[in-house]
């Protein structure tokens, strides 16, 4: 599938401010399942852009502003064309040792996967065990059927709420409220997987959804978050707990991480001698070619 995306992030300030360097996770990653054919990034006010990679080999752009730059508006605009190739999300093979769950990673895998196996400091394992006993009392024995069941259980247990404010709910908050945004769903699934010995990581990216003509005033597109689980023989495979499905070619991964908060698409701050208020505006269009 070929997709063309335009993503605008704009900050408006009540008075002119200066800017610290900004880290940008906006360039989709490239792999055997995704090809990036075009990528353009425009920054206003003008900044020196340095393209690099973070420790997990995600594409990371830095924007450096001149010390004398003052502006009441900051804007990042990315335009890209991407080809997604993962039409069949189940087109993979598992090592025989991983065909049934639970299974064990080999020693070399465990070393590489360690950050994606560790629970967050605030997560209470007892909460996860209780949730699993209640929502998945008789899990399937096959690894893929088990993941399908676990992903679906998370999707059914929560109500989706779009949250535009920054931050991710703790697992305890999500379990208590029984609702959350896509990033809250993702974190819950990640912690459930890790509690069971499955390596799982957070993914930030885009999701193409065709417009349903029967829905009046559909919600505008926004960046999306989901989960990747490492399966021996198959590698990292995407699961979207917000929809309860394995990820296919409608998903455009941008960045992955063991620490969910570290790949926010725009990261930086501003300086001002006095009090300043700011307002964030985002616009996203995704068109299938």
C-alpha atoms as a PDB file:
ATOM      1  CA  UNK A   1       0.000   0.000   0.000  1.00  0.00           C
ATOM      2  CA  UNK A   2       1.276   3.476  -0.915  1.00  0.00           C
ATOM      3  CA  UNK A   3       0.357   6.283   1.466  1.00  0.00           C
ATOM      4  CA  UNK A   4       0.999  10.014   1.346  1.00  0.00           C
ATOM      5  CA  UNK A   5       1.068  11.832   4.684  1.00  0.00           C
ATOM      6  CA  UNK A   6       1.262  15.465   5.712  1.00  0.00           C
ATOM      7  CA  UNK A   7       1.792  16.167   9.403  1.00  0.00           C
ATOM      8  CA  UNK A   8       1.799  19.675  10.862  1.00  0.00           C
ATOM      9  CA  UNK A   9       2.650  20.512  14.477  1.00  0.00           C
ATOM     10  CA  UNK A  10       2.370  24.179  15.468  1.00  0.00           C
ATOM     11  CA  UNK A  11       2.918  25.963  18.768  1.00  0.00           C
ATOM     12  CA  UNK A  12       1.546  29.482  19.217  1.00  0.00           C
ATOM     13  CA  UNK A  13       2.927  31.582  22.092  1.00  0.00           C
ATOM     14  CA  UNK A  14       1.439  34.658  23.717  1.00  0.00           C
ATOM     15  CA  UNK A  15       4.765  36.487  23.354  1.00  0.00           C
ATOM     16  CA  UNK A  16       7.978  35.948  21.371  1.00  0.00           C
ATOM     17  CA  UNK A  17      10.213  33.229  22.821  1.00  0.00           C
ATOM     18  CA  UNK A  18      13.538  31.566  22.005  1.00  0.00           C
ATOM     19  CA  UNK A  19      14.021  27.839  21.576  1.00  0.00           C
ATOM     20  CA  UNK A  20      16.158  25.022  22.916  1.00  0.00           C
ATOM     21  CA  UNK A  21      17.136  22.230  20.487  1.00  0.00           C
ATOM     22  CA  UNK A  22      14.188  20.043  19.553  1.00  0.00           C
ATOM     23  CA  UNK A  23      14.257  16.280  18.972  1.00  0.00           C
ATOM     24  CA  UNK A  24      11.893  15.088  16.238  1.00  0.00           C
ATOM     25  CA  UNK A  25      10.608  11.552  15.721  1.00  0.00           C
ATOM     26  CA  UNK A  26       8.721  12.169  12.491  1.00  0.00           C
ATOM     27  CA  UNK A  27      10.572  10.124   9.855  1.00  0.00           C
ATOM     28  CA  UNK A  28       9.099   6.599   9.440  1.00  0.00           C
ATOM     29  CA  UNK A  29      11.523   3.762   9.906  1.00  0.00           C
ATOM     30  CA  UNK A  30      12.634   1.662   6.950  1.00  0.00           C
ATOM     31  CA  UNK A  31      12.652  -2.130   6.979  1.00  0.00           C
ATOM     32  CA  UNK A  32      11.842  -5.182   4.891  1.00  0.00           C
ATOM     33  CA  UNK A  33       8.172  -4.398   5.600  1.00  0.00           C
ATOM     34  CA  UNK A  34       8.233  -0.667   4.891  1.00  0.00           C
ATOM     35  CA  UNK A  35       9.895   1.574   2.295  1.00  0.00           C
ATOM     36  CA  UNK A  36      10.138   5.332   2.604  1.00  0.00           C
ATOM     37  CA  UNK A  37      10.116   6.901  -0.866  1.00  0.00           C
ATOM     38  CA  UNK A  38       9.923  10.606   0.061  1.00  0.00           C
ATOM     39  CA  UNK A  39      10.427  12.625   3.207  1.00  0.00           C
ATOM     40  CA  UNK A  40      10.501  16.423   3.527  1.00  0.00           C
ATOM     41  CA  UNK A  41      10.730  18.334   6.790  1.00  0.00           C
ATOM     42  CA  UNK A  42      10.117  22.083   7.020  1.00  0.00           C
ATOM     43  CA  UNK A  43      10.857  24.016  10.214  1.00  0.00           C
ATOM     44  CA  UNK A  44       9.779  27.592  10.964  1.00  0.00           C
ATOM     45  CA  UNK A  45      11.454  29.708  12.219  1.00  0.00           C
ATOM     46  CA  UNK A  46      14.514  28.476  10.380  1.00  0.00           C
ATOM     47  CA  UNK A  47      16.678  25.955  12.211  1.00  0.00           C
ATOM     48  CA  UNK A  48      19.717  23.881  11.450  1.00  0.00           C
ATOM     49  CA  UNK A  49      18.529  20.315  10.958  1.00  0.00           C
ATOM     50  CA  UNK A  50      20.795  17.373  11.731  1.00  0.00           C
ATOM     51  CA  UNK A  51      19.561  13.900  10.820  1.00  0.00           C
ATOM     52  CA  UNK A  52      20.852  11.093  13.017  1.00  0.00           C
ATOM     53  CA  UNK A  53      19.712   7.938  14.833  1.00  0.00           C
ATOM     54  CA  UNK A  54      18.906   7.278  18.466  1.00  0.00           C
ATOM     55  CA  UNK A  55      20.307   4.312  20.463  1.00  0.00           C
ATOM     56  CA  UNK A  56      17.563   2.026  19.087  1.00  0.00           C
ATOM     57  CA  UNK A  57      18.349   3.048  15.483  1.00  0.00           C
ATOM     58  CA  UNK A  58      15.172   5.111  15.114  1.00  0.00           C
ATOM     59  CA  UNK A  59      15.498   8.026  12.715  1.00  0.00           C
ATOM     60  CA  UNK A  60      15.961  11.153  14.842  1.00  0.00           C
ATOM     61  CA  UNK A  61      16.107  14.724  13.528  1.00  0.00           C
ATOM     62  CA  UNK A  62      17.526  17.520  15.667  1.00  0.00           C
ATOM     63  CA  UNK A  63      16.488  21.140  15.119  1.00  0.00           C
ATOM     64  CA  UNK A  64      18.987  23.733  16.393  1.00  0.00           C
ATOM     65  CA  UNK A  65      17.859  27.365  16.541  1.00  0.00           C
ATOM     66  CA  UNK A  66      20.154  30.389  16.464  1.00  0.00           C
ATOM     67  CA  UNK A  67      20.530  32.049  19.905  1.00  0.00           C
ATOM     68  CA  UNK A  68      18.993  35.280  18.654  1.00  0.00           C
ATOM     69  CA  UNK A  69      15.901  33.565  17.192  1.00  0.00           C
ATOM     70  CA  UNK A  70      12.685  35.019  18.639  1.00  0.00           C
ATOM     71  CA  UNK A  71       9.236  34.005  17.473  1.00  0.00           C
ATOM     72  CA  UNK A  72       5.667  33.730  18.699  1.00  0.00           C
ATOM     73  CA  UNK A  73       5.131  30.607  16.593  1.00  0.00           C
ATOM     74  CA  UNK A  74       7.012  27.330  16.068  1.00  0.00           C
ATOM     75  CA  UNK A  75       6.035  24.991  13.258  1.00  0.00           C
ATOM     76  CA  UNK A  76       7.169  21.548  12.086  1.00  0.00           C
ATOM     77  CA  UNK A  77       5.735  20.209   8.843  1.00  0.00           C
ATOM     78  CA  UNK A  78       6.611  16.776   7.454  1.00  0.00           C
ATOM     79  CA  UNK A  79       5.485  15.466   4.078  1.00  0.00           C
ATOM     80  CA  UNK A  80       6.193  11.907   3.018  1.00  0.00           C
ATOM     81  CA  UNK A  81       5.270   8.978   0.833  1.00  0.00           C
ATOM     82  CA  UNK A  82       5.643   5.499   2.275  1.00  0.00           C
ATOM     83  CA  UNK A  83       5.063   2.007   0.925  1.00  0.00           C
ATOM     84  CA  UNK A  84       3.844  -0.542   3.464  1.00  0.00           C
ATOM     85  CA  UNK A  85       4.310  -4.219   2.641  1.00  0.00           C
ATOM     86  CA  UNK A  86       2.898  -6.140   5.615  1.00  0.00           C
ATOM     87  CA  UNK A  87      -0.424  -6.979   3.969  1.00  0.00           C
ATOM     88  CA  UNK A  88      -0.700 -10.343   5.731  1.00  0.00           C
ATOM     89  CA  UNK A  89       0.303  -9.822   9.391  1.00  0.00           C
ATOM     90  CA  UNK A  90       0.490 -13.607   9.925  1.00  0.00           C
ATOM     91  CA  UNK A  91       3.016 -14.258   7.158  1.00  0.00           C
ATOM     92  CA  UNK A  92       5.780 -15.445   9.471  1.00  0.00           C
ATOM     93  CA  UNK A  93       7.267 -18.589  10.976  1.00  0.00           C
ATOM     94  CA  UNK A  94       7.980 -19.355  14.599  1.00  0.00           C
ATOM     95  CA  UNK A  95      10.835 -21.445  15.846  1.00  0.00           C
ATOM     96  CA  UNK A  96       9.426 -24.823  16.949  1.00  0.00           C
ATOM     97  CA  UNK A  97      10.500 -24.013  20.518  1.00  0.00           C
ATOM     98  CA  UNK A  98       8.208 -20.951  20.470  1.00  0.00           C
ATOM     99  CA  UNK A  99       5.123 -22.453  18.849  1.00  0.00           C
ATOM    100  CA  UNK A 100       3.454 -22.973  22.224  1.00  0.00           C
ATOM    101  CA  UNK A 101       3.236 -20.540  25.119  1.00  0.00           C
ATOM    102  CA  UNK A 102       4.919 -20.163  27.501  1.00  0.00           C
ATOM    103  CA  UNK A 103       8.315 -20.488  25.868  1.00  0.00           C
ATOM    104  CA  UNK A 104      11.797 -19.305  26.813  1.00  0.00           C
ATOM    105  CA  UNK A 105      14.105 -16.976  24.889  1.00  0.00           C
ATOM    106  CA  UNK A 106      17.624 -18.248  24.389  1.00  0.00           C
ATOM    107  CA  UNK A 107      20.420 -16.551  26.415  1.00  0.00           C
ATOM    108  CA  UNK A 108      21.560 -14.249  23.597  1.00  0.00           C
ATOM    109  CA  UNK A 109      17.985 -13.111  22.970  1.00  0.00           C
ATOM    110  CA  UNK A 110      17.418 -12.403  26.654  1.00  0.00           C
ATOM    111  CA  UNK A 111      20.457 -10.124  26.787  1.00  0.00           C
ATOM    112  CA  UNK A 112      19.298  -8.146  23.741  1.00  0.00           C
ATOM    113  CA  UNK A 113      15.678  -8.053  24.885  1.00  0.00           C
ATOM    114  CA  UNK A 114      16.303  -7.172  28.545  1.00  0.00           C
ATOM    115  CA  UNK A 115      14.905  -3.584  28.361  1.00  0.00           C
ATOM    116  CA  UNK A 116      11.713  -4.928  26.773  1.00  0.00           C
ATOM    117  CA  UNK A 117      11.265  -7.583  29.452  1.00  0.00           C
ATOM    118  CA  UNK A 118      11.447  -5.314  32.516  1.00  0.00           C
ATOM    119  CA  UNK A 119       8.269  -4.016  34.140  1.00  0.00           C
ATOM    120  CA  UNK A 120       8.018  -0.314  34.896  1.00  0.00           C
ATOM    121  CA  UNK A 121       8.840   0.704  38.451  1.00  0.00           C
ATOM    122  CA  UNK A 122       5.264   1.764  39.250  1.00  0.00           C
ATOM    123  CA  UNK A 123       3.593  -1.354  37.822  1.00  0.00           C
ATOM    124  CA  UNK A 124       2.293  -3.797  40.423  1.00  0.00           C
ATOM    125  CA  UNK A 125       2.615  -7.430  39.243  1.00  0.00           C
ATOM    126  CA  UNK A 126      -0.292  -8.489  41.474  1.00  0.00           C
ATOM    127  CA  UNK A 127      -2.598  -6.144  39.515  1.00  0.00           C
ATOM    128  CA  UNK A 128      -1.575  -7.802  36.262  1.00  0.00           C
ATOM    129  CA  UNK A 129      -2.016 -11.325  37.616  1.00  0.00           C
ATOM    130  CA  UNK A 130      -5.473 -10.460  38.907  1.00  0.00           C
ATOM    131  CA  UNK A 131      -6.447  -8.904  35.585  1.00  0.00           C
ATOM    132  CA  UNK A 132      -5.268 -11.963  33.644  1.00  0.00           C
ATOM    133  CA  UNK A 133      -7.137 -14.332  35.955  1.00  0.00           C
ATOM    134  CA  UNK A 134     -10.315 -12.320  35.439  1.00  0.00           C
ATOM    135  CA  UNK A 135     -10.084 -11.551  31.713  1.00  0.00           C
ATOM    136  CA  UNK A 136      -8.138 -14.522  30.351  1.00  0.00           C
ATOM    137  CA  UNK A 137      -8.804 -17.439  32.725  1.00  0.00           C
ATOM    138  CA  UNK A 138      -8.300 -20.201  30.108  1.00  0.00           C
ATOM    139  CA  UNK A 139      -5.746 -18.925  27.569  1.00  0.00           C
ATOM    140  CA  UNK A 140      -4.967 -20.918  24.403  1.00  0.00           C
ATOM    141  CA  UNK A 141      -1.748 -22.921  24.409  1.00  0.00           C
ATOM    142  CA  UNK A 142      -0.522 -21.860  20.953  1.00  0.00           C
ATOM    143  CA  UNK A 143       1.640 -18.723  20.968  1.00  0.00           C
ATOM    144  CA  UNK A 144      -0.193 -16.912  18.168  1.00  0.00           C
ATOM    145  CA  UNK A 145      -3.699 -17.827  19.432  1.00  0.00           C
ATOM    146  CA  UNK A 146      -2.579 -16.742  22.910  1.00  0.00           C
ATOM    147  CA  UNK A 147      -1.476 -13.317  21.637  1.00  0.00           C
ATOM    148  CA  UNK A 148      -4.702 -12.919  19.688  1.00  0.00           C
ATOM    149  CA  UNK A 149      -6.683 -13.718  22.836  1.00  0.00           C
ATOM    150  CA  UNK A 150      -4.619 -11.398  25.059  1.00  0.00           C
ATOM    151  CA  UNK A 151      -4.793  -8.524  22.576  1.00  0.00           C
ATOM    152  CA  UNK A 152      -8.531  -8.964  22.212  1.00  0.00           C
ATOM    153  CA  UNK A 153      -9.023  -9.123  25.974  1.00  0.00           C
ATOM    154  CA  UNK A 154      -7.341  -5.728  26.404  1.00  0.00           C
ATOM    155  CA  UNK A 155      -9.452  -4.243  23.610  1.00  0.00           C
ATOM    156  CA  UNK A 156     -12.702  -5.520  25.139  1.00  0.00           C
ATOM    157  CA  UNK A 157     -11.840  -4.521  28.704  1.00  0.00           C
ATOM    158  CA  UNK A 158     -11.297  -0.821  27.985  1.00  0.00           C
ATOM    159  CA  UNK A 159     -13.249   2.049  26.468  1.00  0.00           C
ATOM    160  CA  UNK A 160     -11.343   4.265  24.068  1.00  0.00           C
ATOM    161  CA  UNK A 161     -10.909   7.927  25.008  1.00  0.00           C
ATOM    162  CA  UNK A 162      -8.950  10.324  22.847  1.00  0.00           C
ATOM    163  CA  UNK A 163      -6.579  12.331  25.058  1.00  0.00           C
ATOM    164  CA  UNK A 164      -4.680  15.229  23.507  1.00  0.00           C
ATOM    165  CA  UNK A 165      -2.815  16.141  26.687  1.00  0.00           C
ATOM    166  CA  UNK A 166       0.722  14.735  27.049  1.00  0.00           C
ATOM    167  CA  UNK A 167       1.652  11.749  29.149  1.00  0.00           C
ATOM    168  CA  UNK A 168       0.640   8.124  29.562  1.00  0.00           C
ATOM    169  CA  UNK A 169      -1.555   6.707  32.292  1.00  0.00           C
ATOM    170  CA  UNK A 170      -0.009   4.207  34.667  1.00  0.00           C
ATOM    171  CA  UNK A 171      -1.313   0.674  34.420  1.00  0.00           C
ATOM    172  CA  UNK A 172      -3.090   1.172  37.748  1.00  0.00           C
ATOM    173  CA  UNK A 173      -4.863   4.274  36.407  1.00  0.00           C
ATOM    174  CA  UNK A 174      -5.947   2.492  33.225  1.00  0.00           C
ATOM    175  CA  UNK A 175      -7.234  -0.522  35.150  1.00  0.00           C
ATOM    176  CA  UNK A 176      -9.099   1.730  37.574  1.00  0.00           C
ATOM    177  CA  UNK A 177     -10.645   3.984  34.930  1.00  0.00           C
ATOM    178  CA  UNK A 178     -11.225   1.151  32.429  1.00  0.00           C
ATOM    179  CA  UNK A 179     -10.554   3.591  29.638  1.00  0.00           C
ATOM    180  CA  UNK A 180      -7.677   5.330  27.906  1.00  0.00           C
ATOM    181  CA  UNK A 181      -6.100   6.505  24.694  1.00  0.00           C
ATOM    182  CA  UNK A 182      -4.168   4.306  22.278  1.00  0.00           C
ATOM    183  CA  UNK A 183      -0.934   4.883  24.202  1.00  0.00           C
ATOM    184  CA  UNK A 184      -2.638   3.798  27.449  1.00  0.00           C
ATOM    185  CA  UNK A 185      -3.933   0.621  25.783  1.00  0.00           C
ATOM    186  CA  UNK A 186      -0.417  -0.028  24.467  1.00  0.00           C
ATOM    187  CA  UNK A 187       1.246   0.369  27.839  1.00  0.00           C
ATOM    188  CA  UNK A 188      -1.202  -2.027  29.491  1.00  0.00           C
ATOM    189  CA  UNK A 189      -0.575  -4.691  26.842  1.00  0.00           C
ATOM    190  CA  UNK A 190       3.199  -4.173  27.117  1.00  0.00           C
ATOM    191  CA  UNK A 191       3.162  -4.679  30.880  1.00  0.00           C
ATOM    192  CA  UNK A 192       0.908  -7.735  30.617  1.00  0.00           C
ATOM    193  CA  UNK A 193       3.285  -9.276  28.070  1.00  0.00           C
ATOM    194  CA  UNK A 194       6.360  -8.523  30.152  1.00  0.00           C
ATOM    195  CA  UNK A 195       4.763  -9.986  33.264  1.00  0.00           C
ATOM    196  CA  UNK A 196       4.398 -13.223  31.284  1.00  0.00           C
ATOM    197  CA  UNK A 197       7.986 -13.227  30.023  1.00  0.00           C
ATOM    198  CA  UNK A 198       7.213 -11.856  26.551  1.00  0.00           C
ATOM    199  CA  UNK A 199       9.440  -9.046  25.276  1.00  0.00           C
ATOM    200  CA  UNK A 200       7.246  -6.108  24.267  1.00  0.00           C
ATOM    201  CA  UNK A 201       7.950  -2.540  23.184  1.00  0.00           C
ATOM    202  CA  UNK A 202       6.024   0.659  22.434  1.00  0.00           C
ATOM    203  CA  UNK A 203       5.588   1.885  18.855  1.00  0.00           C
ATOM    204  CA  UNK A 204       4.639   5.379  17.733  1.00  0.00           C
ATOM    205  CA  UNK A 205       3.437   5.951  14.188  1.00  0.00           C
ATOM    206  CA  UNK A 206       0.504   6.472  11.867  1.00  0.00           C
ATOM    207  CA  UNK A 207      -2.580   4.450  10.965  1.00  0.00           C
ATOM    208  CA  UNK A 208      -4.472   4.729   7.701  1.00  0.00           C
ATOM    209  CA  UNK A 209      -8.230   4.303   7.989  1.00  0.00           C
ATOM    210  CA  UNK A 210     -10.542   4.773   5.029  1.00  0.00           C
ATOM    211  CA  UNK A 211     -13.273   7.343   5.627  1.00  0.00           C
ATOM    212  CA  UNK A 212     -16.616   5.708   6.383  1.00  0.00           C
ATOM    213  CA  UNK A 213     -19.319   7.689   4.547  1.00  0.00           C
ATOM    214  CA  UNK A 214     -21.904   6.525   7.094  1.00  0.00           C
ATOM    215  CA  UNK A 215     -20.120   8.282   9.973  1.00  0.00           C
ATOM    216  CA  UNK A 216     -20.978  11.962  10.349  1.00  0.00           C
ATOM    217  CA  UNK A 217     -18.154  14.244  11.484  1.00  0.00           C
ATOM    218  CA  UNK A 218     -15.504  11.516  11.893  1.00  0.00           C
ATOM    219  CA  UNK A 219     -12.605  12.228  14.236  1.00  0.00           C
ATOM    220  CA  UNK A 220      -9.621  13.718  12.400  1.00  0.00           C
ATOM    221  CA  UNK A 221      -6.534  11.503  11.974  1.00  0.00           C
ATOM    222  CA  UNK A 222      -3.918  11.580  14.717  1.00  0.00           C
ATOM    223  CA  UNK A 223      -0.685   9.798  15.485  1.00  0.00           C
ATOM    224  CA  UNK A 224      -1.225   6.304  16.802  1.00  0.00           C
ATOM    225  CA  UNK A 225       0.496   3.973  19.274  1.00  0.00           C
ATOM    226  CA  UNK A 226       0.653   0.194  19.407  1.00  0.00           C
ATOM    227  CA  UNK A 227       2.851  -2.691  20.586  1.00  0.00           C
ATOM    228  CA  UNK A 228       5.459  -4.986  19.100  1.00  0.00           C
ATOM    229  CA  UNK A 229       6.172  -8.392  20.668  1.00  0.00           C
ATOM    230  CA  UNK A 230       9.333 -10.331  19.905  1.00  0.00           C
ATOM    231  CA  UNK A 231       8.696 -13.877  18.682  1.00  0.00           C
ATOM    232  CA  UNK A 232      11.668 -16.191  18.030  1.00  0.00           C
ATOM    233  CA  UNK A 233      11.909 -16.842  14.300  1.00  0.00           C
ATOM    234  CA  UNK A 234       9.373 -14.141  13.434  1.00  0.00           C
ATOM    235  CA  UNK A 235      11.068 -11.106  14.992  1.00  0.00           C
ATOM    236  CA  UNK A 236       9.090  -8.108  16.206  1.00  0.00           C
ATOM    237  CA  UNK A 237       5.396  -8.395  15.327  1.00  0.00           C
ATOM    238  CA  UNK A 238       2.879  -5.582  15.774  1.00  0.00           C
ATOM    239  CA  UNK A 239      -0.330  -5.810  17.797  1.00  0.00           C
ATOM    240  CA  UNK A 240      -2.842  -2.994  18.162  1.00  0.00           C
ATOM    241  CA  UNK A 241      -4.808  -3.419  21.410  1.00  0.00           C
ATOM    242  CA  UNK A 242      -6.992  -0.397  20.601  1.00  0.00           C
ATOM    243  CA  UNK A 243      -8.529  -2.460  17.791  1.00  0.00           C
ATOM    244  CA  UNK A 244      -7.660  -5.949  19.007  1.00  0.00           C
ATOM    245  CA  UNK A 245      -5.787  -6.914  15.827  1.00  0.00           C
ATOM    246  CA  UNK A 246      -2.324  -7.820  14.553  1.00  0.00           C
ATOM    247  CA  UNK A 247      -0.860  -4.873  12.625  1.00  0.00           C
ATOM    248  CA  UNK A 248      -1.021  -4.969   8.834  1.00  0.00           C
ATOM    249  CA  UNK A 249      -0.002  -2.605   6.033  1.00  0.00           C
ATOM    250  CA  UNK A 250      -2.334   0.151   7.276  1.00  0.00           C
ATOM    251  CA  UNK A 251       0.175   0.829  10.065  1.00  0.00           C
ATOM    252  CA  UNK A 252       3.188   3.098   9.509  1.00  0.00           C
ATOM    253  CA  UNK A 253       5.698   2.685  12.363  1.00  0.00           C
ATOM    254  CA  UNK A 254       7.901   5.699  13.040  1.00  0.00           C
ATOM    255  CA  UNK A 255       9.800   4.825  16.227  1.00  0.00           C
ATOM    256  CA  UNK A 256       9.988   2.015  18.770  1.00  0.00           C
ATOM    257  CA  UNK A 257      11.224   1.972  22.345  1.00  0.00           C
ATOM    258  CA  UNK A 258      11.198   0.068  25.608  1.00  0.00           C
ATOM    259  CA  UNK A 259      10.322   3.325  27.436  1.00  0.00           C
ATOM    260  CA  UNK A 260       7.052   4.629  26.039  1.00  0.00           C
ATOM    261  CA  UNK A 261       7.536   8.338  26.785  1.00  0.00           C
ATOM    262  CA  UNK A 262      10.882   8.583  24.981  1.00  0.00           C
ATOM    263  CA  UNK A 263       9.599   8.719  21.384  1.00  0.00           C
ATOM    264  CA  UNK A 264       7.115  11.585  21.529  1.00  0.00           C
ATOM    265  CA  UNK A 265       7.099  13.033  18.000  1.00  0.00           C
ATOM    266  CA  UNK A 266       8.240  16.549  19.025  1.00  0.00           C
ATOM    267  CA  UNK A 267      10.395  17.102  22.118  1.00  0.00           C
ATOM    268  CA  UNK A 268      11.865  20.411  23.230  1.00  0.00           C
ATOM    269  CA  UNK A 269      11.295  23.555  25.235  1.00  0.00           C
ATOM    270  CA  UNK A 270      11.370  27.347  24.934  1.00  0.00           C
ATOM    271  CA  UNK A 271      12.806  30.236  26.906  1.00  0.00           C
ATOM    272  CA  UNK A 272      11.137  33.479  27.960  1.00  0.00           C
ATOM    273  CA  UNK A 273      11.988  36.260  30.400  1.00  0.00           C
ATOM    274  CA  UNK A 274       8.371  36.480  31.536  1.00  0.00           C
ATOM    275  CA  UNK A 275       5.221  34.349  31.769  1.00  0.00           C
ATOM    276  CA  UNK A 276       4.076  32.925  28.425  1.00  0.00           C
ATOM    277  CA  UNK A 277       1.152  30.716  27.468  1.00  0.00           C
ATOM    278  CA  UNK A 278       1.249  28.317  24.546  1.00  0.00           C
ATOM    279  CA  UNK A 279      -1.271  26.535  22.366  1.00  0.00           C
ATOM    280  CA  UNK A 280      -0.652  23.345  20.383  1.00  0.00           C
ATOM    281  CA  UNK A 281      -2.299  22.658  17.026  1.00  0.00           C
ATOM    282  CA  UNK A 282      -1.806  19.513  14.977  1.00  0.00           C
ATOM    283  CA  UNK A 283      -3.066  18.614  11.512  1.00  0.00           C
ATOM    284  CA  UNK A 284      -2.625  15.247   9.840  1.00  0.00           C
ATOM    285  CA  UNK A 285      -3.785  13.964   6.471  1.00  0.00           C
ATOM    286  CA  UNK A 286      -3.240  10.388   5.246  1.00  0.00           C
ATOM    287  CA  UNK A 287      -4.208   9.536   1.681  1.00  0.00           C
ATOM    288  CA  UNK A 288      -3.977   6.153  -0.014  1.00  0.00           C
ATOM    289  CA  UNK A 289      -2.475   6.439  -3.487  1.00  0.00           C
END
